[in-house]
């Protein structure tokens, strides 16, 4: 899985790993900072669509810079 791979690479590069819980907390904080009304996400399909839209918005910002 992507997160486990990230943890392994971090340990190989830096000699220690950042705990999975820290990565998850960072992701949740990032989600909370996004301009999304998370209370409106009611299903897994809603979540997928919301995340796809968010990814698209972020990528369009990267292109503009």
PDB file of N, CA and C in Angstrom:
ATOM      1  N   UNK A   1       0.834  -1.173   0.000  1.00  0.00           N
ATOM      2  CA  UNK A   1       0.000   0.000   0.000  1.00  0.00           C
ATOM      3  C   UNK A   1       0.885   1.246   0.000  1.00  0.00           C
ATOM      4  N   UNK A   2       0.376   2.332  -0.511  1.00  0.00           N
ATOM      5  CA  UNK A   2       1.158   3.548  -0.724  1.00  0.00           C
ATOM      6  C   UNK A   2       1.776   4.064   0.565  1.00  0.00           C
ATOM      7  N   UNK A   3       1.021   4.092   1.639  1.00  0.00           N
ATOM      8  CA  UNK A   3       1.526   4.623   2.905  1.00  0.00           C
ATOM      9  C   UNK A   3       2.641   3.749   3.462  1.00  0.00           C
ATOM     10  N   UNK A   4       2.478   2.435   3.412  1.00  0.00           N
ATOM     11  CA  UNK A   4       3.535   1.542   3.893  1.00  0.00           C
ATOM     12  C   UNK A   4       4.813   1.729   3.086  1.00  0.00           C
ATOM     13  N   UNK A   5       4.681   1.899   1.773  1.00  0.00           N
ATOM     14  CA  UNK A   5       5.845   2.134   0.921  1.00  0.00           C
ATOM     15  C   UNK A   5       6.531   3.450   1.299  1.00  0.00           C
ATOM     16  N   UNK A   6       5.747   4.471   1.556  1.00  0.00           N
ATOM     17  CA  UNK A   6       6.283   5.766   1.973  1.00  0.00           C
ATOM     18  C   UNK A   6       7.056   5.637   3.290  1.00  0.00           C
ATOM     19  N   UNK A   7       6.515   4.888   4.227  1.00  0.00           N
ATOM     20  CA  UNK A   7       7.187   4.688   5.518  1.00  0.00           C
ATOM     21  C   UNK A   7       8.519   3.968   5.345  1.00  0.00           C
ATOM     22  N   UNK A   8       8.543   2.940   4.511  1.00  0.00           N
ATOM     23  CA  UNK A   8       9.781   2.189   4.281  1.00  0.00           C
ATOM     24  C   UNK A   8      10.844   3.061   3.625  1.00  0.00           C
ATOM     25  N   UNK A   9      10.442   3.843   2.623  1.00  0.00           N
ATOM     26  CA  UNK A   9      11.402   4.726   1.952  1.00  0.00           C
ATOM     27  C   UNK A   9      11.962   5.758   2.916  1.00  0.00           C
ATOM     28  N   UNK A  10      11.112   6.307   3.769  1.00  0.00           N
ATOM     29  CA  UNK A  10      11.569   7.289   4.745  1.00  0.00           C
ATOM     30  C   UNK A  10      12.586   6.701   5.702  1.00  0.00           C
ATOM     31  N   UNK A  11      12.349   5.480   6.134  1.00  0.00           N
ATOM     32  CA  UNK A  11      13.288   4.835   7.056  1.00  0.00           C
ATOM     33  C   UNK A  11      14.619   4.570   6.368  1.00  0.00           C
ATOM     34  N   UNK A  12      14.589   4.132   5.103  1.00  0.00           N
ATOM     35  CA  UNK A  12      15.832   3.870   4.372  1.00  0.00           C
ATOM     36  C   UNK A  12      16.618   5.155   4.154  1.00  0.00           C
ATOM     37  N   UNK A  13      15.928   6.239   3.838  1.00  0.00           N
ATOM     38  CA  UNK A  13      16.606   7.505   3.535  1.00  0.00           C
ATOM     39  C   UNK A  13      17.112   8.221   4.775  1.00  0.00           C
ATOM     40  N   UNK A  14      16.350   8.168   5.859  1.00  0.00           N
ATOM     41  CA  UNK A  14      16.658   8.995   7.019  1.00  0.00           C
ATOM     42  C   UNK A  14      17.032   8.202   8.265  1.00  0.00           C
ATOM     43  N   UNK A  15      17.007   6.876   8.186  1.00  0.00           N
ATOM     44  CA  UNK A  15      17.380   6.057   9.325  1.00  0.00           C
ATOM     45  C   UNK A  15      16.302   5.914  10.381  1.00  0.00           C
ATOM     46  N   UNK A  16      15.199   6.582  10.205  1.00  0.00           N
ATOM     47  CA  UNK A  16      14.070   6.441  11.115  1.00  0.00           C
ATOM     48  C   UNK A  16      12.802   6.676  10.316  1.00  0.00           C
ATOM     49  N   UNK A  17      11.721   6.210  10.844  1.00  0.00           N
ATOM     50  CA  UNK A  17      10.476   6.412  10.113  1.00  0.00           C
ATOM     51  C   UNK A  17       9.535   7.312  10.898  1.00  0.00           C
ATOM     52  N   UNK A  18       8.704   8.003  10.158  1.00  0.00           N
ATOM     53  CA  UNK A  18       7.639   8.782  10.768  1.00  0.00           C
ATOM     54  C   UNK A  18       6.477   7.819  10.961  1.00  0.00           C
ATOM     55  N   UNK A  19       5.933   7.798  12.136  1.00  0.00           N
ATOM     56  CA  UNK A  19       4.854   6.857  12.453  1.00  0.00           C
ATOM     57  C   UNK A  19       3.653   7.071  11.523  1.00  0.00           C
ATOM     58  N   UNK A  20       2.997   5.973  11.198  1.00  0.00           N
ATOM     59  CA  UNK A  20       1.826   6.024  10.334  1.00  0.00           C
ATOM     60  C   UNK A  20       0.751   6.945  10.904  1.00  0.00           C
ATOM     61  N   UNK A  21       0.617   6.949  12.216  1.00  0.00           N
ATOM     62  CA  UNK A  21      -0.385   7.814  12.852  1.00  0.00           C
ATOM     63  C   UNK A  21      -0.086   9.291  12.601  1.00  0.00           C
ATOM     64  N   UNK A  22       1.186   9.649  12.546  1.00  0.00           N
ATOM     65  CA  UNK A  22       1.569  11.042  12.275  1.00  0.00           C
ATOM     66  C   UNK A  22       1.197  11.410  10.847  1.00  0.00           C
ATOM     67  N   UNK A  23       1.453  10.511   9.901  1.00  0.00           N
ATOM     68  CA  UNK A  23       1.071  10.760   8.508  1.00  0.00           C
ATOM     69  C   UNK A  23      -0.436  10.926   8.380  1.00  0.00           C
ATOM     70  N   UNK A  24      -1.184  10.076   9.071  1.00  0.00           N
ATOM     71  CA  UNK A  24      -2.639  10.154   9.002  1.00  0.00           C
ATOM     72  C   UNK A  24      -3.151  11.458   9.613  1.00  0.00           C
ATOM     73  N   UNK A  25      -2.577  11.878  10.727  1.00  0.00           N
ATOM     74  CA  UNK A  25      -2.986  13.136  11.343  1.00  0.00           C
ATOM     75  C   UNK A  25      -2.682  14.306  10.426  1.00  0.00           C
ATOM     76  N   UNK A  26      -1.515  14.268   9.772  1.00  0.00           N
ATOM     77  CA  UNK A  26      -1.155  15.335   8.834  1.00  0.00           C
ATOM     78  C   UNK A  26      -2.147  15.383   7.670  1.00  0.00           C
ATOM     79  N   UNK A  27      -2.535  14.221   7.173  1.00  0.00           N
ATOM     80  CA  UNK A  27      -3.505  14.168   6.070  1.00  0.00           C
ATOM     81  C   UNK A  27      -4.849  14.733   6.509  1.00  0.00           C
ATOM     82  N   UNK A  28      -5.281  14.389   7.696  1.00  0.00           N
ATOM     83  CA  UNK A  28      -6.559  14.902   8.197  1.00  0.00           C
ATOM     84  C   UNK A  28      -6.518  16.411   8.371  1.00  0.00           C
ATOM     85  N   UNK A  29      -5.403  16.934   8.865  1.00  0.00           N
ATOM     86  CA  UNK A  29      -5.263  18.381   9.023  1.00  0.00           C
ATOM     87  C   UNK A  29      -5.292  19.071   7.659  1.00  0.00           C
ATOM     88  N   UNK A  30      -4.646  18.461   6.673  1.00  0.00           N
ATOM     89  CA  UNK A  30      -4.657  19.014   5.318  1.00  0.00           C
ATOM     90  C   UNK A  30      -6.069  18.998   4.746  1.00  0.00           C
ATOM     91  N   UNK A  31      -6.791  17.897   4.924  1.00  0.00           N
ATOM     92  CA  UNK A  31      -8.181  17.819   4.466  1.00  0.00           C
ATOM     93  C   UNK A  31      -9.036  18.902   5.112  1.00  0.00           C
ATOM     94  N   UNK A  32      -8.840  19.089   6.406  1.00  0.00           N
ATOM     95  CA  UNK A  32      -9.634  20.068   7.124  1.00  0.00           C
ATOM     96  C   UNK A  32      -9.374  21.481   6.607  1.00  0.00           C
ATOM     97  N   UNK A  33      -8.165  21.745   6.132  1.00  0.00           N
ATOM     98  CA  UNK A  33      -7.806  23.073   5.626  1.00  0.00           C
ATOM     99  C   UNK A  33      -8.337  23.328   4.209  1.00  0.00           C
ATOM    100  N   UNK A  34      -8.791  22.289   3.537  1.00  0.00           N
ATOM    101  CA  UNK A  34      -9.281  22.440   2.170  1.00  0.00           C
ATOM    102  C   UNK A  34     -10.647  23.130   2.155  1.00  0.00           C
ATOM    103  N   UNK A  35     -10.926  23.868   1.075  1.00  0.00           N
ATOM    104  CA  UNK A  35     -12.217  24.569   0.969  1.00  0.00           C
ATOM    105  C   UNK A  35     -13.350  23.620   0.557  1.00  0.00           C
ATOM    106  N   UNK A  36     -13.632  22.658   1.412  1.00  0.00           N
ATOM    107  CA  UNK A  36     -14.654  21.640   1.155  1.00  0.00           C
ATOM    108  C   UNK A  36     -15.589  21.607   2.364  1.00  0.00           C
ATOM    109  N   UNK A  37     -16.883  21.447   2.106  1.00  0.00           N
ATOM    110  CA  UNK A  37     -17.825  21.232   3.207  1.00  0.00           C
ATOM    111  C   UNK A  37     -17.923  19.719   3.412  1.00  0.00           C
ATOM    112  N   UNK A  38     -17.074  19.200   4.293  1.00  0.00           N
ATOM    113  CA  UNK A  38     -16.980  17.760   4.494  1.00  0.00           C
ATOM    114  C   UNK A  38     -18.273  17.170   5.050  1.00  0.00           C
ATOM    115  N   UNK A  39     -19.114  17.976   5.689  1.00  0.00           N
ATOM    116  CA  UNK A  39     -20.380  17.481   6.224  1.00  0.00           C
ATOM    117  C   UNK A  39     -21.321  17.049   5.107  1.00  0.00           C
ATOM    118  N   UNK A  40     -21.108  17.568   3.897  1.00  0.00           N
ATOM    119  CA  UNK A  40     -21.951  17.189   2.763  1.00  0.00           C
ATOM    120  C   UNK A  40     -21.533  15.869   2.113  1.00  0.00           C
ATOM    121  N   UNK A  41     -20.372  15.344   2.480  1.00  0.00           N
ATOM    122  CA  UNK A  41     -19.907  14.064   1.940  1.00  0.00           C
ATOM    123  C   UNK A  41     -20.591  12.960   2.733  1.00  0.00           C
ATOM    124  N   UNK A  42     -21.501  12.246   2.070  1.00  0.00           N
ATOM    125  CA  UNK A  42     -22.296  11.260   2.791  1.00  0.00           C
ATOM    126  C   UNK A  42     -22.047   9.814   2.419  1.00  0.00           C
ATOM    127  N   UNK A  43     -21.406   9.586   1.282  1.00  0.00           N
ATOM    128  CA  UNK A  43     -21.156   8.215   0.831  1.00  0.00           C
ATOM    129  C   UNK A  43     -19.724   8.098   0.334  1.00  0.00           C
ATOM    130  N   UNK A  44     -19.291   6.864   0.120  1.00  0.00           N
ATOM    131  CA  UNK A  44     -17.957   6.652  -0.439  1.00  0.00           C
ATOM    132  C   UNK A  44     -17.850   7.257  -1.838  1.00  0.00           C
ATOM    133  N   UNK A  45     -18.929   7.159  -2.615  1.00  0.00           N
ATOM    134  CA  UNK A  45     -18.910   7.747  -3.954  1.00  0.00           C
ATOM    135  C   UNK A  45     -18.778   9.271  -3.878  1.00  0.00           C
ATOM    136  N   UNK A  46     -19.479   9.885  -2.926  1.00  0.00           N
ATOM    137  CA  UNK A  46     -19.332  11.329  -2.718  1.00  0.00           C
ATOM    138  C   UNK A  46     -17.889  11.677  -2.373  1.00  0.00           C
ATOM    139  N   UNK A  47     -17.284  10.868  -1.515  1.00  0.00           N
ATOM    140  CA  UNK A  47     -15.905  11.111  -1.106  1.00  0.00           C
ATOM    141  C   UNK A  47     -14.958  10.996  -2.296  1.00  0.00           C
ATOM    142  N   UNK A  48     -15.143   9.956  -3.116  1.00  0.00           N
ATOM    143  CA  UNK A  48     -14.296   9.794  -4.309  1.00  0.00           C
ATOM    144  C   UNK A  48     -14.412  11.006  -5.234  1.00  0.00           C
ATOM    145  N   UNK A  49     -15.631  11.439  -5.486  1.00  0.00           N
ATOM    146  CA  UNK A  49     -15.850  12.581  -6.372  1.00  0.00           C
ATOM    147  C   UNK A  49     -15.256  13.863  -5.785  1.00  0.00           C
ATOM    148  N   UNK A  50     -15.426  14.035  -4.482  1.00  0.00           N
ATOM    149  CA  UNK A  50     -14.878  15.215  -3.821  1.00  0.00           C
ATOM    150  C   UNK A  50     -13.360  15.219  -3.924  1.00  0.00           C
ATOM    151  N   UNK A  51     -12.737  14.073  -3.675  1.00  0.00           N
ATOM    152  CA  UNK A  51     -11.279  13.988  -3.745  1.00  0.00           C
ATOM    153  C   UNK A  51     -10.767  14.166  -5.169  1.00  0.00           C
ATOM    154  N   UNK A  52     -11.487  13.624  -6.152  1.00  0.00           N
ATOM    155  CA  UNK A  52     -11.091  13.829  -7.550  1.00  0.00           C
ATOM    156  C   UNK A  52     -11.157  15.305  -7.914  1.00  0.00           C
ATOM    157  N   UNK A  53     -12.223  15.977  -7.476  1.00  0.00           N
ATOM    158  CA  UNK A  53     -12.348  17.405  -7.736  1.00  0.00           C
ATOM    159  C   UNK A  53     -11.248  18.205  -7.058  1.00  0.00           C
ATOM    160  N   UNK A  54     -10.925  17.833  -5.835  1.00  0.00           N
ATOM    161  CA  UNK A  54      -9.863  18.507  -5.096  1.00  0.00           C
ATOM    162  C   UNK A  54      -8.516  18.296  -5.777  1.00  0.00           C
ATOM    163  N   UNK A  55      -8.256  17.077  -6.216  1.00  0.00           N
ATOM    164  CA  UNK A  55      -7.016  16.782  -6.934  1.00  0.00           C
ATOM    165  C   UNK A  55      -6.914  17.626  -8.203  1.00  0.00           C
ATOM    166  N   UNK A  56      -7.998  17.731  -8.932  1.00  0.00           N
ATOM    167  CA  UNK A  56      -8.021  18.528 -10.157  1.00  0.00           C
ATOM    168  C   UNK A  56      -7.724  19.997  -9.866  1.00  0.00           C
ATOM    169  N   UNK A  57      -8.333  20.517  -8.804  1.00  0.00           N
ATOM    170  CA  UNK A  57      -8.101  21.924  -8.432  1.00  0.00           C
ATOM    171  C   UNK A  57      -6.642  22.159  -8.047  1.00  0.00           C
ATOM    172  N   UNK A  58      -6.071  21.231  -7.300  1.00  0.00           N
ATOM    173  CA  UNK A  58      -4.669  21.369  -6.880  1.00  0.00           C
ATOM    174  C   UNK A  58      -3.743  21.308  -8.090  1.00  0.00           C
ATOM    175  N   UNK A  59      -4.006  20.377  -8.999  1.00  0.00           N
ATOM    176  CA  UNK A  59      -3.157  20.257 -10.188  1.00  0.00           C
ATOM    177  C   UNK A  59      -3.272  21.495 -11.068  1.00  0.00           C
ATOM    178  N   UNK A  60      -4.435  22.107 -11.153  1.00  0.00           N
ATOM    179  CA  UNK A  60      -4.583  23.308 -11.965  1.00  0.00           C
ATOM    180  C   UNK A  60      -3.821  24.480 -11.343  1.00  0.00           C
ATOM    181  N   UNK A  61      -3.731  24.519 -10.023  1.00  0.00           N
ATOM    182  CA  UNK A  61      -2.948  25.548  -9.350  1.00  0.00           C
ATOM    183  C   UNK A  61      -1.464  25.346  -9.639  1.00  0.00           C
ATOM    184  N   UNK A  62      -0.993  24.098  -9.611  1.00  0.00           N
ATOM    185  CA  UNK A  62       0.409  23.798  -9.913  1.00  0.00           C
ATOM    186  C   UNK A  62       0.785  24.280 -11.310  1.00  0.00           C
ATOM    187  N   UNK A  63      -0.104  24.105 -12.264  1.00  0.00           N
ATOM    188  CA  UNK A  63       0.170  24.476 -13.651  1.00  0.00           C
ATOM    189  C   UNK A  63       0.273  25.992 -13.785  1.00  0.00           C
ATOM    190  N   UNK A  64      -0.563  26.721 -13.049  1.00  0.00           N
ATOM    191  CA  UNK A  64      -0.565  28.170 -13.142  1.00  0.00           C
ATOM    192  C   UNK A  64       0.698  28.798 -12.583  1.00  0.00           C
ATOM    193  N   UNK A  65       1.346  28.165 -11.613  1.00  0.00           N
ATOM    194  CA  UNK A  65       2.538  28.746 -10.973  1.00  0.00           C
ATOM    195  C   UNK A  65       3.722  28.648 -11.828  1.00  0.00           C
TER     196      UNK A  65
END
